[in-house]
Amino acid sequence: MNKSSSVVEIAAGDNSTSAFDVEKIRADFPILSQKIYDGKPLVYLDNGASAQKPRQVIDAMSDLYETRYSNVHRGVHWTSQQSTNAYEAGRQKAGAFLNAASDNEIIFTSGATEAINLVAASWGRANLKAGDEVILTHMEHHSNIVPWQLLRQEKDIVIKVVPIDDDGNFLFDEFEKLLTDKTKMVAVTHVSNALGTIVPVADVIKAAHAKGALVLLDGCQAVPHQSVDVQALGADFYVFSGHKLYGPTGIGILWGREDILNAMPPYQGGGEMIASVTFEKTTFQKAPHRFEAGTPAIAEVVGLGAAIDYVNAIGLDNIAAHEHDVLQYATERLQAMDGVTIIGNAREKAAIVSFVLEDIHPHDVGTFIDRAGVAVRVGHHCAQPVMDRFGVAATARASFGLYNTRAEVDTLVDALEETRKFFS
């Protein structure tokens, strides 16, 4: 039983923005009450890399370890049955979260990176041949580039890239020009981790399907900020990582259409994924267990389930409205600063703002404002093609979550002003 209940109280009211109490939410995150560097409040603006964890998630994982932990699917004793029930409840929660047609469509992975590698290695090896085309975008995270490049080395497939404009908008007309009868997979980010650009994925899926191609969506930066309905979208694969959704590290989701998953060969071999084994022949289970070899991340699945419960109780519409307000405020304040250039001003953005400070390297920016208690991400954000597109080596990135506030934006801006003065 989770010990914390404040989010339940939030959810007990109506589901409007007025029900969103950011201070009550912040109280659920123990790390946010910390003071660092001689008493400075921690201003955590690195949620795009990994979000903090509410007490509800921490308690759910501790409760499992303290009261009913055992390996799953293998024992007839009480603790194994209890752990199995908790583990499979996590699958049910993830399925409902994405509106999957069946819980069998939810595959637990170590994260989105493994999920994409699984699709490339299993579906890709089985279905792609020399000359077949995979379409990516210029905004992809490296984890949605490198697996397809590895497959290209093996299968001699063709990789095409959808360009973006100077504001970071996805160029749909250019995407349509890249589609051919040889296009077999379109693998695109739902929301750019470097720019915050929201890609019109429903239109992408419709156009890709018209050419007979499948679509994989990287939803890491989407699911913390907006509702996702995979059936309504019509996608074929959807992936995300739990740690960006206020859950633990080491756990992620691959959702795939059940018919596609059951036609794919196993990704790894071992216990649990088999139906029978002899030295002459092995037969395999259907999805999801076909792709979950070995002992899984049991407590992490339980933690992810608790994180899903948490954001559902607050309401993703409420979260989106709050984050949009913080993003707009941050954008206005940064645009008003001398020497600041925002990289990525797409028409539709999630709660991410990347920027550079004139004549100051982003690593120096990040290091200096850290002493003011402000945590941002600096670097290429595992999206080097994006940096190349905008002619910068790196950016500083402030990425907002459900617990961030306008006051924290003010702290960020004040720290940047001090940075500018120091380096000038």
Protein backbone atom coordinates (compact mmCIF):
# COMPACT_ATOMS: atom_id res chain seq x y z
CA MET A 1 0.00 0.00 0.00
CA ASN A 2 1.41 3.40 -0.94
CA LYS A 3 1.99 5.61 2.09
CA SER A 4 1.48 8.95 0.29
CA SER A 5 -1.97 10.11 -0.72
CA SER A 6 -1.82 13.77 -1.77
CA VAL A 7 -2.25 13.00 -5.46
CA VAL A 8 -5.39 11.03 -4.63
CA GLU A 9 -6.75 14.12 -2.94
CA ILE A 10 -5.96 16.17 -6.05
CA ALA A 11 -7.81 13.71 -8.22
CA ALA A 12 -10.85 13.74 -5.95
CA GLY A 13 -11.87 17.15 -7.25
CA ASP A 14 -12.96 18.04 -10.75
CA ASN A 15 -10.63 17.36 -13.67
CA SER A 16 -10.13 20.99 -14.64
CA THR A 17 -6.94 23.02 -14.52
CA SER A 18 -8.14 24.57 -11.24
CA ALA A 19 -7.67 21.14 -9.64
CA PHE A 20 -3.94 21.34 -10.35
CA ASP A 21 -2.11 22.25 -7.14
CA VAL A 22 1.58 22.40 -7.99
CA GLU A 23 2.71 22.89 -4.40
CA LYS A 24 0.82 19.82 -3.26
CA ILE A 25 2.34 17.89 -6.14
CA ARG A 26 5.84 19.11 -5.29
CA ALA A 27 5.39 17.77 -1.77
CA ASP A 28 5.15 14.28 -3.25
CA PHE A 29 8.75 14.50 -4.54
CA PRO A 30 11.21 14.23 -1.63
CA ILE A 31 14.21 15.37 -3.68
CA LEU A 32 12.62 18.74 -4.47
CA SER A 33 12.72 19.81 -0.81
CA GLN A 34 16.52 19.58 -0.81
CA LYS A 35 18.82 22.53 -0.40
CA ILE A 36 22.15 22.36 -2.20
CA TYR A 37 25.26 24.54 -2.38
CA ASP A 38 24.89 26.30 0.96
CA GLY A 39 21.14 26.40 1.14
CA LYS A 40 19.99 27.01 -2.42
CA PRO A 41 16.73 25.31 -3.41
CA LEU A 42 17.12 22.63 -6.06
CA VAL A 43 15.58 23.84 -9.33
CA TYR A 44 15.36 20.69 -11.41
CA LEU A 45 14.85 21.46 -15.11
CA ASP A 46 16.31 18.29 -16.61
CA ASN A 47 13.14 16.25 -16.90
CA GLY A 48 13.74 15.42 -20.56
CA ALA A 49 16.75 13.37 -19.47
CA SER A 50 15.07 11.80 -16.46
CA ALA A 51 12.25 12.96 -14.22
CA GLN A 52 12.21 12.80 -10.44
CA LYS A 53 10.20 10.17 -8.58
CA PRO A 54 7.20 10.79 -6.33
CA ARG A 55 6.91 9.11 -2.96
CA GLN A 56 4.14 6.92 -4.39
CA VAL A 57 6.58 5.26 -6.79
CA ILE A 58 9.29 4.88 -4.17
CA ASP A 59 6.83 3.38 -1.69
CA ALA A 60 5.38 0.94 -4.22
CA MET A 61 8.80 -0.49 -5.00
CA SER A 62 9.82 -0.62 -1.34
CA ASP A 63 6.55 -2.33 -0.43
CA LEU A 64 7.19 -5.06 -2.99
CA TYR A 65 10.68 -5.72 -1.66
CA GLU A 66 9.59 -5.57 1.97
CA THR A 67 6.45 -7.70 1.82
CA ARG A 68 6.04 -9.95 -1.22
CA TYR A 69 9.08 -10.08 -3.47
CA SER A 70 9.89 -13.22 -5.45
CA ASN A 71 10.62 -14.20 -9.02
CA VAL A 72 7.56 -14.12 -11.26
CA HIS A 73 5.71 -16.67 -13.40
CA ARG A 74 7.73 -19.55 -11.93
CA GLY A 75 6.56 -20.39 -8.47
CA VAL A 76 3.43 -21.83 -6.91
CA HIS A 77 4.23 -20.33 -3.50
CA TRP A 78 2.54 -17.24 -2.08
CA THR A 79 5.30 -14.66 -2.65
CA SER A 80 5.76 -15.70 -6.26
CA GLN A 81 2.04 -15.47 -6.89
CA GLN A 82 1.88 -12.04 -5.25
CA SER A 83 4.85 -10.73 -7.21
CA THR A 84 3.44 -12.13 -10.44
CA ASN A 85 0.11 -10.43 -9.79
CA ALA A 86 1.85 -7.10 -9.11
CA TYR A 87 4.04 -7.48 -12.20
CA GLU A 88 1.13 -8.29 -14.50
CA ALA A 89 -0.89 -5.44 -12.97
CA GLY A 90 1.88 -3.18 -14.27
CA ARG A 91 1.31 -4.59 -17.75
CA GLN A 92 -2.41 -3.94 -17.47
CA LYS A 93 -1.80 -0.34 -16.37
CA ALA A 94 0.59 0.27 -19.26
CA GLY A 95 -1.92 -1.22 -21.69
CA ALA A 96 -4.70 1.01 -20.42
CA PHE A 97 -2.36 4.02 -20.43
CA LEU A 98 -1.76 3.61 -24.17
CA ASN A 99 -5.25 2.19 -24.88
CA ALA A 100 -3.76 -1.02 -26.26
CA ALA A 101 -6.23 -3.47 -27.72
CA SER A 102 -4.77 -6.23 -25.53
CA ASP A 103 -2.34 -6.49 -22.64
CA ASN A 104 -0.47 -9.00 -24.81
CA GLU A 105 0.68 -6.02 -26.87
CA ILE A 106 2.74 -4.63 -23.96
CA ILE A 107 6.36 -5.81 -23.95
CA PHE A 108 8.57 -4.83 -21.01
CA THR A 109 12.07 -3.74 -22.04
CA SER A 110 14.91 -1.97 -20.26
CA GLY A 111 13.84 1.27 -21.94
CA ALA A 112 12.99 2.83 -25.27
CA THR A 113 16.49 2.15 -26.58
CA GLU A 114 16.11 -1.58 -26.15
CA ALA A 115 12.57 -1.41 -27.53
CA ILE A 116 13.73 0.18 -30.79
CA ASN A 117 16.66 -2.22 -31.03
CA LEU A 118 14.23 -5.09 -30.53
CA VAL A 119 12.06 -3.96 -33.44
CA ALA A 120 15.04 -3.34 -35.72
CA ALA A 121 16.69 -6.65 -34.86
CA SER A 122 13.58 -8.83 -34.86
CA TRP A 123 11.08 -7.30 -37.28
CA GLY A 124 13.79 -5.65 -39.37
CA ARG A 125 15.91 -8.74 -39.91
CA ALA A 126 12.86 -10.83 -40.73
CA ASN A 127 11.19 -8.38 -43.10
CA LEU A 128 13.74 -6.07 -44.72
CA LYS A 129 15.96 -6.82 -47.69
CA ALA A 130 18.49 -4.89 -49.73
CA GLY A 131 16.97 -1.76 -51.24
CA ASP A 132 14.07 -1.51 -48.80
CA GLU A 133 13.66 1.94 -47.30
CA VAL A 134 13.39 3.17 -43.71
CA ILE A 135 12.41 6.81 -43.16
CA LEU A 136 13.62 8.76 -40.12
CA THR A 137 13.48 12.47 -39.30
CA HIS A 138 16.25 14.98 -38.72
CA MET A 139 15.11 15.20 -35.08
CA GLU A 140 15.70 11.61 -34.03
CA HIS A 141 17.45 10.60 -30.84
CA HIS A 142 20.50 8.45 -31.53
CA SER A 143 18.58 5.42 -30.26
CA ASN A 144 16.26 5.77 -33.27
CA ILE A 145 19.13 6.21 -35.73
CA VAL A 146 21.90 3.79 -34.81
CA PRO A 147 19.81 0.57 -34.72
CA TRP A 148 18.67 1.23 -38.29
CA GLN A 149 22.23 2.02 -39.36
CA LEU A 150 23.40 -1.29 -37.89
CA LEU A 151 20.66 -3.01 -39.88
CA ARG A 152 21.76 -1.12 -43.00
CA GLN A 153 25.26 -2.57 -42.60
CA GLU A 154 23.78 -6.04 -42.41
CA LYS A 155 20.92 -5.86 -44.93
CA ASP A 156 21.92 -2.99 -47.24
CA ILE A 157 18.67 -1.13 -46.64
CA VAL A 158 18.24 2.56 -47.53
CA ILE A 159 17.73 5.20 -44.84
CA LYS A 160 15.98 8.44 -45.79
CA VAL A 161 15.68 11.50 -43.56
CA VAL A 162 12.80 13.97 -43.37
CA PRO A 163 14.17 17.55 -43.11
CA ILE A 164 13.03 20.23 -40.68
CA ASP A 165 12.80 23.98 -41.20
CA ASP A 166 14.66 26.74 -39.36
CA ASP A 167 12.10 26.71 -36.55
CA GLY A 168 12.34 22.95 -36.12
CA ASN A 169 9.00 22.14 -37.75
CA PHE A 170 8.54 18.72 -39.34
CA LEU A 171 8.16 19.24 -43.10
CA PHE A 172 5.25 17.03 -44.00
CA ASP A 173 5.35 17.80 -47.73
CA GLU A 174 8.99 16.70 -47.84
CA PHE A 175 8.07 13.55 -45.95
CA GLU A 176 5.44 12.66 -48.54
CA LYS A 177 8.04 13.06 -51.30
CA LEU A 178 10.27 10.48 -49.60
CA LEU A 179 7.55 7.84 -49.45
CA THR A 180 7.80 5.18 -52.17
CA ASP A 181 6.65 1.63 -52.75
CA LYS A 182 9.98 0.55 -51.25
CA THR A 183 9.26 2.27 -47.92
CA LYS A 184 8.78 -0.46 -45.34
CA MET A 185 9.22 1.39 -42.03
CA VAL A 186 8.75 4.97 -40.87
CA ALA A 187 10.42 5.44 -37.46
CA VAL A 188 9.84 8.91 -36.05
CA THR A 189 9.88 10.75 -32.77
CA HIS A 190 6.51 11.82 -31.41
CA VAL A 191 8.14 14.79 -29.63
CA SER A 192 11.71 15.91 -30.24
CA ASN A 193 13.91 15.60 -27.16
CA ALA A 194 16.20 18.39 -28.37
CA LEU A 195 13.65 20.90 -29.70
CA GLY A 196 10.29 20.00 -28.17
CA THR A 197 8.70 19.84 -31.64
CA ILE A 198 5.48 17.82 -31.71
CA VAL A 199 5.34 15.81 -34.92
CA PRO A 200 1.91 15.38 -36.60
CA VAL A 201 2.13 11.63 -36.13
CA ALA A 202 -1.48 10.81 -37.02
CA ASP A 203 -0.93 12.29 -40.49
CA VAL A 204 2.44 10.56 -40.77
CA ILE A 205 0.86 7.21 -39.97
CA LYS A 206 -1.95 7.69 -42.48
CA ALA A 207 0.46 8.59 -45.28
CA ALA A 208 2.86 5.75 -44.43
CA HIS A 209 0.10 3.16 -44.30
CA ALA A 210 -1.14 4.31 -47.70
CA LYS A 211 2.22 3.11 -49.04
CA GLY A 212 2.07 -0.14 -47.09
CA ALA A 213 4.75 0.89 -44.57
CA LEU A 214 4.68 0.28 -40.84
CA VAL A 215 5.23 3.11 -38.33
CA LEU A 216 7.22 3.12 -35.10
CA LEU A 217 6.84 6.12 -32.78
CA ASP A 218 9.38 7.12 -30.16
CA GLY A 219 7.13 8.44 -27.41
CA CYS A 220 9.69 9.11 -24.67
CA GLN A 221 9.07 12.86 -24.67
CA ALA A 222 5.35 12.56 -25.44
CA VAL A 223 3.84 10.34 -22.74
CA PRO A 224 4.80 12.57 -19.78
CA HIS A 225 3.09 15.56 -21.40
CA GLN A 226 0.01 14.33 -23.29
CA SER A 227 -2.43 11.46 -23.63
CA VAL A 228 -1.52 8.80 -26.19
CA ASP A 229 -4.06 6.44 -27.76
CA VAL A 230 -2.26 3.96 -29.98
CA GLN A 231 -5.49 2.61 -31.43
CA ALA A 232 -6.73 6.07 -32.40
CA LEU A 233 -3.34 6.93 -33.88
CA GLY A 234 -3.24 3.68 -35.82
CA ALA A 235 0.46 3.12 -35.09
CA ASP A 236 2.19 -0.23 -35.40
CA PHE A 237 4.83 0.21 -32.68
CA TYR A 238 5.11 2.72 -29.83
CA VAL A 239 7.96 2.94 -27.33
CA PHE A 240 8.74 4.91 -24.18
CA SER A 241 10.98 4.81 -21.11
CA GLY A 242 9.61 4.71 -17.58
CA HIS A 243 12.15 7.05 -16.01
CA LYS A 244 10.92 10.05 -18.02
CA LEU A 245 7.37 9.34 -16.78
CA TYR A 246 8.30 9.76 -13.09
CA GLY A 247 8.99 6.03 -12.82
CA PRO A 248 12.22 4.09 -12.23
CA THR A 249 15.11 3.57 -14.59
CA GLY A 250 15.68 0.22 -16.25
CA ILE A 251 12.13 -0.25 -17.46
CA GLY A 252 10.41 0.72 -20.70
CA ILE A 253 7.56 -0.25 -22.94
CA LEU A 254 7.36 -1.60 -26.44
CA TRP A 255 3.78 -1.61 -27.62
CA GLY A 256 3.13 -3.40 -30.88
CA ARG A 257 0.10 -4.70 -32.71
CA GLU A 258 -0.44 -8.26 -31.54
CA ASP A 259 -0.52 -9.78 -35.01
CA ILE A 260 2.79 -8.17 -35.89
CA LEU A 261 4.44 -9.18 -32.62
CA ASN A 262 3.41 -12.82 -32.96
CA ALA A 263 4.86 -12.93 -36.46
CA MET A 264 8.24 -11.62 -35.27
CA PRO A 265 11.09 -13.96 -34.26
CA PRO A 266 12.43 -13.79 -30.69
CA TYR A 267 14.93 -11.06 -29.86
CA GLN A 268 16.72 -12.94 -27.07
CA GLY A 269 16.68 -16.54 -25.92
CA GLY A 270 16.35 -17.82 -22.37
CA GLY A 271 13.84 -18.69 -19.72
CA GLU A 272 10.19 -17.63 -19.87
CA MET A 273 10.08 -16.96 -23.62
CA ILE A 274 9.95 -20.65 -24.53
CA ALA A 275 7.06 -23.09 -24.90
CA SER A 276 9.32 -26.17 -24.99
CA VAL A 277 13.03 -26.90 -25.31
CA THR A 278 14.91 -29.94 -26.52
CA PHE A 279 18.40 -30.12 -27.95
CA GLU A 280 16.80 -30.71 -31.32
CA LYS A 281 14.22 -27.93 -31.30
CA THR A 282 12.80 -25.03 -29.28
CA THR A 283 9.35 -23.58 -29.66
CA PHE A 284 8.41 -20.13 -28.41
CA GLN A 285 5.58 -18.48 -26.57
CA LYS A 286 3.43 -15.80 -28.14
CA ALA A 287 3.76 -12.14 -27.23
CA PRO A 288 4.38 -10.70 -24.74
CA HIS A 289 6.47 -13.48 -23.17
CA ARG A 290 8.20 -14.29 -26.47
CA PHE A 291 10.16 -11.05 -26.01
CA GLU A 292 10.78 -11.17 -22.25
CA ALA A 293 13.60 -13.65 -21.81
CA GLY A 294 15.00 -14.18 -18.32
CA THR A 295 14.13 -12.66 -14.98
CA PRO A 296 12.51 -9.28 -15.63
CA ALA A 297 12.79 -5.96 -13.78
CA ILE A 298 10.01 -6.86 -11.35
CA ALA A 299 10.15 -3.95 -8.91
CA GLU A 300 10.70 -1.53 -11.78
CA VAL A 301 7.50 -2.71 -13.46
CA VAL A 302 5.65 -2.15 -10.20
CA GLY A 303 7.22 1.31 -9.96
CA LEU A 304 6.20 2.13 -13.51
CA GLY A 305 2.65 1.06 -12.70
CA ALA A 306 2.66 3.40 -9.70
CA ALA A 307 3.96 6.24 -11.89
CA ILE A 308 1.17 5.64 -14.40
CA ASP A 309 -1.35 5.72 -11.54
CA TYR A 310 0.20 8.97 -10.37
CA VAL A 311 -0.06 10.91 -13.64
CA ASN A 312 -3.50 9.44 -14.33
CA ALA A 313 -4.74 10.68 -10.95
CA ILE A 314 -3.59 14.22 -11.71
CA GLY A 315 -4.78 14.04 -15.31
CA LEU A 316 -2.60 14.43 -18.38
CA ASP A 317 -4.76 17.30 -19.63
CA ASN A 318 -4.09 19.16 -16.37
CA ILE A 319 -0.38 18.38 -16.63
CA ALA A 320 -0.26 19.58 -20.24
CA ALA A 321 -2.00 22.85 -19.41
CA HIS A 322 0.33 23.57 -16.50
CA GLU A 323 3.47 22.73 -18.47
CA HIS A 324 2.31 24.81 -21.43
CA ASP A 325 1.98 27.81 -19.14
CA VAL A 326 5.50 27.28 -17.74
CA LEU A 327 6.91 26.77 -21.26
CA GLN A 328 5.29 29.95 -22.57
CA TYR A 329 6.56 31.94 -19.62
CA ALA A 330 10.08 30.55 -20.00
CA THR A 331 10.08 31.26 -23.72
CA GLU A 332 9.00 34.88 -23.17
CA ARG A 333 11.61 35.47 -20.48
CA LEU A 334 14.45 33.90 -22.46
CA GLN A 335 13.50 35.78 -25.62
CA ALA A 336 13.69 39.01 -23.67
CA MET A 337 17.28 38.34 -22.60
CA ASP A 338 20.21 39.83 -24.48
CA GLY A 339 22.42 37.26 -26.14
CA VAL A 340 20.03 34.32 -25.84
CA THR A 341 18.98 32.39 -28.95
CA ILE A 342 16.31 29.72 -28.64
CA ILE A 343 16.95 26.72 -30.87
CA GLY A 344 13.62 25.37 -32.04
CA ASN A 345 10.50 27.49 -32.24
CA ALA A 346 8.09 25.02 -33.80
CA ARG A 347 4.40 25.83 -34.03
CA GLU A 348 3.55 22.89 -31.75
CA LYS A 349 5.92 22.29 -28.85
CA ALA A 350 6.06 20.26 -25.67
CA ALA A 351 7.69 21.49 -22.48
CA ILE A 352 11.27 21.80 -23.76
CA VAL A 353 13.29 24.90 -24.56
CA SER A 354 16.84 24.64 -25.92
CA PHE A 355 19.01 27.72 -26.15
CA VAL A 356 22.51 29.10 -26.52
CA LEU A 357 24.04 32.08 -24.75
CA GLU A 358 26.17 34.22 -27.06
CA ASP A 359 29.92 33.56 -26.82
CA ILE A 360 29.52 31.19 -23.85
CA HIS A 361 29.80 27.44 -24.31
CA PRO A 362 26.71 25.56 -23.06
CA HIS A 363 28.88 23.47 -20.74
CA ASP A 364 30.08 26.66 -19.07
CA VAL A 365 26.48 27.84 -18.82
CA GLY A 366 25.37 24.60 -17.21
CA THR A 367 28.27 24.55 -14.77
CA PHE A 368 27.80 28.18 -13.71
CA ILE A 369 24.03 28.04 -13.14
CA ASP A 370 24.41 24.75 -11.31
CA ARG A 371 26.04 26.72 -8.48
CA ALA A 372 22.78 28.65 -8.25
CA GLY A 373 20.97 25.35 -7.75
CA VAL A 374 19.63 25.16 -11.32
CA ALA A 375 19.90 21.83 -13.13
CA VAL A 376 19.65 21.89 -16.92
CA ARG A 377 21.02 19.53 -19.56
CA VAL A 378 23.88 20.69 -21.77
CA GLY A 379 25.38 18.99 -24.81
CA HIS A 380 24.04 17.48 -27.99
CA HIS A 381 21.24 15.60 -26.20
CA CYS A 382 21.95 12.39 -28.14
CA ALA A 383 20.71 14.27 -31.19
CA GLN A 384 23.86 15.36 -33.01
CA PRO A 385 22.11 15.70 -36.41
CA VAL A 386 19.88 18.36 -34.85
CA MET A 387 22.91 20.28 -33.63
CA ASP A 388 24.47 20.03 -37.09
CA ARG A 389 21.23 21.29 -38.66
CA PHE A 390 21.34 24.46 -36.56
CA GLY A 391 25.09 24.91 -36.75
CA VAL A 392 25.78 24.58 -33.03
CA ALA A 393 27.96 22.12 -31.15
CA ALA A 394 25.58 21.95 -28.20
CA THR A 395 22.74 23.71 -26.44
CA ALA A 396 21.52 24.22 -22.92
CA ARG A 397 18.12 22.59 -22.49
CA ALA A 398 15.52 23.35 -19.85
CA SER A 399 12.84 20.66 -19.87
CA PHE A 400 9.83 21.10 -17.63
CA GLY A 401 7.74 18.63 -15.67
CA LEU A 402 4.51 18.68 -13.75
CA TYR A 403 6.23 20.05 -10.61
CA ASN A 404 8.04 23.01 -12.18
CA THR A 405 6.90 26.60 -11.63
CA ARG A 406 7.20 30.11 -13.03
CA ALA A 407 9.27 31.01 -9.96
CA GLU A 408 11.81 28.37 -10.99
CA VAL A 409 11.95 29.93 -14.45
CA ASP A 410 12.75 33.24 -12.78
CA THR A 411 15.60 31.55 -10.90
CA LEU A 412 16.90 30.13 -14.19
CA VAL A 413 16.81 33.54 -15.88
CA ASP A 414 18.48 35.26 -12.94
CA ALA A 415 21.25 32.64 -13.01
CA LEU A 416 21.71 33.12 -16.74
CA GLU A 417 21.99 36.88 -16.27
CA GLU A 418 24.72 36.32 -13.69
CA THR A 419 26.43 33.93 -16.09
CA ARG A 420 26.41 36.52 -18.85
CA LYS A 421 27.83 39.18 -16.55
CA PHE A 422 30.58 36.86 -15.28
CA PHE A 423 31.77 35.79 -18.72
CA SER A 424 31.58 39.30 -20.20
